[in-house]
N, C-alpha and C. Protein backbone atom coordinates (compact mmCIF):
# COMPACT_ATOMS: atom_id res chain seq x y z
N MET A 1 6.75 2.80 45.49
CA MET A 1 7.95 2.57 46.23
C MET A 1 7.90 3.31 47.56
N GLU A 2 7.37 4.51 47.56
CA GLU A 2 7.31 5.28 48.81
C GLU A 2 6.46 4.56 49.86
N TYR A 3 5.36 3.98 49.44
CA TYR A 3 4.52 3.25 50.39
C TYR A 3 5.26 2.03 50.95
N ALA A 4 6.03 1.39 50.10
CA ALA A 4 6.81 0.23 50.55
C ALA A 4 7.86 0.68 51.57
N LYS A 5 8.48 1.82 51.35
CA LYS A 5 9.47 2.34 52.30
C LYS A 5 8.82 2.72 53.63
N GLN A 6 7.63 3.28 53.55
CA GLN A 6 6.92 3.73 54.76
C GLN A 6 6.30 2.56 55.52
N ASN A 7 6.14 1.43 54.88
CA ASN A 7 5.50 0.27 55.51
C ASN A 7 6.36 -0.97 55.32
N PRO A 8 7.55 -1.00 55.92
CA PRO A 8 8.46 -2.13 55.71
C PRO A 8 7.92 -3.46 56.22
N LYS A 9 6.96 -3.42 57.15
CA LYS A 9 6.40 -4.68 57.67
C LYS A 9 5.61 -5.43 56.59
N ILE A 10 5.10 -4.70 55.62
CA ILE A 10 4.28 -5.28 54.57
C ILE A 10 5.13 -5.84 53.43
N VAL A 11 6.35 -5.33 53.28
CA VAL A 11 7.23 -5.76 52.19
C VAL A 11 7.65 -7.21 52.41
N PRO A 12 7.42 -8.08 51.42
CA PRO A 12 7.84 -9.48 51.57
C PRO A 12 9.37 -9.56 51.75
N ASN A 13 9.80 -10.51 52.55
CA ASN A 13 11.24 -10.62 52.84
C ASN A 13 12.05 -11.02 51.61
N TYR A 14 11.43 -11.57 50.61
CA TYR A 14 12.15 -11.95 49.39
C TYR A 14 12.26 -10.78 48.40
N MET A 15 11.63 -9.63 48.72
CA MET A 15 11.68 -8.47 47.83
C MET A 15 12.90 -7.63 48.15
N ASP A 16 13.69 -7.35 47.14
CA ASP A 16 14.92 -6.57 47.29
C ASP A 16 14.57 -5.09 47.10
N MET A 17 14.48 -4.37 48.22
CA MET A 17 14.08 -2.96 48.18
C MET A 17 15.12 -2.11 47.47
N ALA A 18 16.40 -2.44 47.61
CA ALA A 18 17.44 -1.67 46.92
C ALA A 18 17.27 -1.81 45.40
N GLU A 19 16.97 -3.00 44.95
CA GLU A 19 16.76 -3.23 43.52
C GLU A 19 15.49 -2.52 43.04
N PHE A 20 14.45 -2.55 43.86
CA PHE A 20 13.21 -1.86 43.56
C PHE A 20 13.47 -0.36 43.41
N GLU A 21 14.23 0.20 44.32
CA GLU A 21 14.55 1.63 44.27
C GLU A 21 15.40 1.95 43.04
N LYS A 22 16.37 1.10 42.74
CA LYS A 22 17.23 1.30 41.58
C LYS A 22 16.39 1.26 40.29
N ASP A 23 15.49 0.28 40.20
CA ASP A 23 14.64 0.16 39.01
C ASP A 23 13.72 1.37 38.87
N THR A 24 13.17 1.83 39.97
CA THR A 24 12.27 2.98 39.93
C THR A 24 13.02 4.23 39.49
N LYS A 25 14.21 4.45 40.03
CA LYS A 25 15.01 5.61 39.62
C LYS A 25 15.39 5.50 38.14
N GLY A 26 15.79 4.32 37.71
CA GLY A 26 16.13 4.11 36.30
C GLY A 26 14.96 4.39 35.39
N PHE A 27 13.79 3.90 35.79
CA PHE A 27 12.57 4.13 35.01
C PHE A 27 12.29 5.62 34.88
N ASN A 28 12.37 6.33 36.00
CA ASN A 28 12.09 7.77 35.99
C ASN A 28 13.09 8.54 35.12
N GLU A 29 14.34 8.15 35.16
CA GLU A 29 15.37 8.79 34.31
C GLU A 29 15.12 8.51 32.84
N LEU A 30 14.78 7.29 32.53
CA LEU A 30 14.49 6.93 31.14
C LEU A 30 13.25 7.67 30.62
N LYS A 31 12.25 7.84 31.45
CA LYS A 31 11.04 8.55 31.04
C LYS A 31 11.36 10.01 30.70
N LYS A 32 12.34 10.60 31.41
CA LYS A 32 12.74 11.98 31.12
C LYS A 32 13.31 12.09 29.71
N VAL A 33 13.95 11.04 29.24
CA VAL A 33 14.51 11.02 27.89
C VAL A 33 13.44 10.61 26.88
N LEU A 34 12.64 9.63 27.24
CA LEU A 34 11.66 9.07 26.31
C LEU A 34 10.54 10.05 25.96
N ASN A 35 10.01 10.77 26.93
CA ASN A 35 8.88 11.65 26.66
C ASN A 35 9.17 12.70 25.59
N PRO A 36 10.30 13.43 25.66
CA PRO A 36 10.58 14.38 24.57
C PRO A 36 10.81 13.69 23.23
N LEU A 37 11.43 12.51 23.25
CA LEU A 37 11.62 11.78 22.00
C LEU A 37 10.29 11.36 21.38
N GLN A 38 9.36 10.93 22.20
CA GLN A 38 8.04 10.56 21.68
C GLN A 38 7.33 11.76 21.06
N GLN A 39 7.47 12.92 21.70
CA GLN A 39 6.87 14.13 21.15
C GLN A 39 7.52 14.48 19.80
N MET A 40 8.85 14.33 19.74
CA MET A 40 9.55 14.62 18.50
C MET A 40 9.11 13.67 17.40
N VAL A 41 8.98 12.40 17.72
CA VAL A 41 8.55 11.40 16.73
C VAL A 41 7.13 11.71 16.26
N GLU A 42 6.27 12.11 17.18
CA GLU A 42 4.90 12.45 16.80
C GLU A 42 4.88 13.64 15.84
N LYS A 43 5.69 14.67 16.15
CA LYS A 43 5.77 15.83 15.26
C LYS A 43 6.36 15.45 13.91
N LEU A 44 7.36 14.59 13.92
CA LEU A 44 7.96 14.12 12.67
C LEU A 44 6.95 13.34 11.84
N ASP A 45 6.17 12.50 12.51
CA ASP A 45 5.14 11.72 11.83
C ASP A 45 4.09 12.65 11.21
N ASP A 46 3.67 13.67 11.98
CA ASP A 46 2.70 14.64 11.45
C ASP A 46 3.26 15.38 10.24
N THR A 47 4.52 15.79 10.32
CA THR A 47 5.15 16.51 9.21
C THR A 47 5.28 15.61 7.99
N THR A 48 5.64 14.36 8.20
CA THR A 48 5.76 13.41 7.11
C THR A 48 4.41 13.22 6.42
N LEU A 49 3.37 13.08 7.22
CA LEU A 49 2.02 12.92 6.66
C LEU A 49 1.61 14.15 5.85
N LEU A 50 1.90 15.33 6.37
CA LEU A 50 1.54 16.57 5.67
C LEU A 50 2.31 16.71 4.36
N THR A 51 3.63 16.49 4.41
CA THR A 51 4.41 16.64 3.18
C THR A 51 4.05 15.58 2.15
N GLY A 52 3.74 14.38 2.62
CA GLY A 52 3.29 13.34 1.70
C GLY A 52 1.99 13.72 1.02
N SER A 53 1.08 14.29 1.79
CA SER A 53 -0.20 14.73 1.23
C SER A 53 0.00 15.83 0.21
N GLU A 54 0.88 16.78 0.54
CA GLU A 54 1.14 17.88 -0.39
C GLU A 54 1.82 17.39 -1.66
N ALA A 55 2.74 16.45 -1.51
CA ALA A 55 3.42 15.88 -2.69
C ALA A 55 2.42 15.14 -3.57
N TYR A 56 1.51 14.40 -2.95
CA TYR A 56 0.51 13.65 -3.72
C TYR A 56 -0.42 14.62 -4.46
N THR A 57 -0.79 15.72 -3.79
CA THR A 57 -1.65 16.71 -4.43
C THR A 57 -0.95 17.33 -5.64
N ALA A 58 0.33 17.65 -5.48
CA ALA A 58 1.09 18.20 -6.61
C ALA A 58 1.19 17.19 -7.74
N ALA A 59 1.40 15.92 -7.39
CA ALA A 59 1.49 14.88 -8.41
C ALA A 59 0.17 14.75 -9.17
N LEU A 60 -0.94 14.86 -8.46
CA LEU A 60 -2.25 14.80 -9.13
C LEU A 60 -2.45 15.99 -10.06
N VAL A 61 -2.00 17.17 -9.64
CA VAL A 61 -2.11 18.35 -10.50
C VAL A 61 -1.33 18.10 -11.80
N PHE A 62 -0.09 17.60 -11.65
CA PHE A 62 0.71 17.31 -12.85
C PHE A 62 0.05 16.23 -13.70
N TYR A 63 -0.44 15.19 -13.05
CA TYR A 63 -1.06 14.08 -13.79
C TYR A 63 -2.26 14.57 -14.59
N ASN A 64 -3.08 15.41 -13.98
CA ASN A 64 -4.26 15.93 -14.70
C ASN A 64 -3.85 16.85 -15.84
N ALA A 65 -2.79 17.64 -15.66
CA ALA A 65 -2.28 18.47 -16.76
C ALA A 65 -1.74 17.59 -17.88
N LEU A 66 -1.03 16.54 -17.50
CA LEU A 66 -0.49 15.59 -18.47
C LEU A 66 -1.63 14.90 -19.24
N LYS A 67 -2.66 14.54 -18.53
CA LYS A 67 -3.83 13.89 -19.14
C LYS A 67 -4.43 14.80 -20.21
N GLY A 68 -4.57 16.08 -19.86
CA GLY A 68 -5.10 17.04 -20.82
C GLY A 68 -4.18 17.21 -22.02
N ALA A 69 -2.87 17.25 -21.76
CA ALA A 69 -1.91 17.39 -22.85
C ALA A 69 -1.94 16.17 -23.76
N ALA A 70 -2.07 14.98 -23.18
CA ALA A 70 -2.14 13.76 -23.98
C ALA A 70 -3.39 13.75 -24.84
N LYS A 71 -4.52 14.16 -24.27
CA LYS A 71 -5.78 14.20 -25.04
C LYS A 71 -5.72 15.25 -26.14
N ALA A 72 -4.95 16.33 -25.89
CA ALA A 72 -4.83 17.40 -26.89
C ALA A 72 -3.82 17.05 -27.98
N GLY A 73 -3.15 15.92 -27.84
CA GLY A 73 -2.22 15.48 -28.86
C GLY A 73 -0.82 16.05 -28.74
N GLU A 74 -0.46 16.55 -27.58
CA GLU A 74 0.90 17.05 -27.39
C GLU A 74 1.89 15.91 -27.65
N PRO A 75 2.94 16.14 -28.43
CA PRO A 75 3.90 15.07 -28.75
C PRO A 75 4.57 14.48 -27.49
N GLY A 76 4.60 13.15 -27.43
CA GLY A 76 5.28 12.43 -26.34
C GLY A 76 4.49 12.29 -25.05
N MET A 77 3.37 12.96 -24.95
CA MET A 77 2.61 12.95 -23.69
C MET A 77 1.81 11.67 -23.49
N LYS A 78 1.39 11.03 -24.59
CA LYS A 78 0.59 9.81 -24.45
C LYS A 78 1.39 8.69 -23.79
N ASN A 79 2.66 8.57 -24.13
CA ASN A 79 3.50 7.53 -23.51
C ASN A 79 3.68 7.78 -22.01
N ILE A 80 3.93 9.02 -21.67
CA ILE A 80 4.10 9.36 -20.24
C ILE A 80 2.79 9.12 -19.50
N TYR A 81 1.69 9.56 -20.11
CA TYR A 81 0.38 9.37 -19.50
C TYR A 81 0.08 7.88 -19.31
N ALA A 82 0.39 7.07 -20.30
CA ALA A 82 0.15 5.63 -20.20
C ALA A 82 1.01 5.02 -19.08
N ASP A 83 2.23 5.51 -18.94
CA ASP A 83 3.11 5.01 -17.89
C ASP A 83 2.57 5.34 -16.50
N LEU A 84 2.06 6.55 -16.34
CA LEU A 84 1.57 6.98 -15.03
C LEU A 84 0.14 6.55 -14.73
N GLN A 85 -0.59 6.13 -15.74
CA GLN A 85 -2.01 5.81 -15.58
C GLN A 85 -2.24 4.73 -14.52
N SER A 86 -1.36 3.77 -14.42
CA SER A 86 -1.56 2.70 -13.44
C SER A 86 -1.40 3.20 -12.00
N ARG A 87 -0.72 4.32 -11.83
CA ARG A 87 -0.53 4.87 -10.48
C ARG A 87 -1.73 5.69 -10.02
N TYR A 88 -2.55 6.08 -10.96
CA TYR A 88 -3.74 6.88 -10.65
C TYR A 88 -4.96 6.21 -11.24
N PRO A 89 -5.43 5.14 -10.60
CA PRO A 89 -6.51 4.35 -11.19
C PRO A 89 -7.86 5.06 -11.22
N GLY A 90 -8.00 6.16 -10.54
CA GLY A 90 -9.29 6.85 -10.52
C GLY A 90 -10.24 6.21 -9.53
N ARG A 91 -11.39 6.74 -9.48
CA ARG A 91 -12.38 6.27 -8.51
C ARG A 91 -13.31 5.20 -9.07
N GLY A 92 -13.40 5.12 -10.36
CA GLY A 92 -14.29 4.13 -10.98
C GLY A 92 -15.74 4.51 -10.80
N GLN A 93 -16.58 3.60 -11.19
CA GLN A 93 -18.02 3.81 -11.06
C GLN A 93 -18.45 3.60 -9.62
N VAL A 94 -19.27 4.50 -9.13
CA VAL A 94 -19.81 4.34 -7.78
C VAL A 94 -21.09 3.51 -7.90
N VAL A 95 -21.07 2.36 -7.24
CA VAL A 95 -22.22 1.47 -7.28
C VAL A 95 -22.98 1.66 -5.97
N PRO A 96 -24.27 2.03 -6.04
CA PRO A 96 -25.03 2.20 -4.80
C PRO A 96 -25.17 0.88 -4.05
N ALA A 97 -25.12 0.98 -2.75
CA ALA A 97 -25.27 -0.21 -1.90
C ALA A 97 -26.72 -0.71 -2.02
N PRO A 98 -26.86 -2.04 -2.03
CA PRO A 98 -28.22 -2.58 -2.11
C PRO A 98 -29.00 -2.21 -0.84
N THR A 99 -30.28 -1.94 -1.06
CA THR A 99 -31.13 -1.60 0.10
C THR A 99 -31.89 -2.85 0.54
N ALA A 100 -32.08 -2.93 1.81
CA ALA A 100 -32.79 -4.08 2.37
C ALA A 100 -34.29 -3.91 2.14
N ILE A 101 -34.93 -4.99 1.83
CA ILE A 101 -36.39 -4.97 1.66
C ILE A 101 -36.99 -5.53 2.93
N ILE A 102 -37.83 -4.70 3.53
CA ILE A 102 -38.48 -5.12 4.79
C ILE A 102 -39.95 -5.41 4.47
N ASN A 103 -40.38 -6.59 4.81
CA ASN A 103 -41.79 -6.97 4.57
C ASN A 103 -42.61 -6.73 5.80
């Protein structure tokens, strides 16, 4: 915008400089609000990711303790273990990737 103001001969006659200036000022004001909000959202996202990870870790600790209790025959634990088993499918068998044969 400053270059357009300094070089009015170059500005097309159909361009509304007052509107251009208004839009530029509005944009700059909105950016002052948006930038801190974006930082806050990024921090909130990071915190959400961290707490979710910690909650999942705690859930796995409980699940593994429950699994041990169910195997040890603790009363009522097999039903709870069976209910939660679908949520923790495990890693399964690791199948090695086929290797290419080069002749």
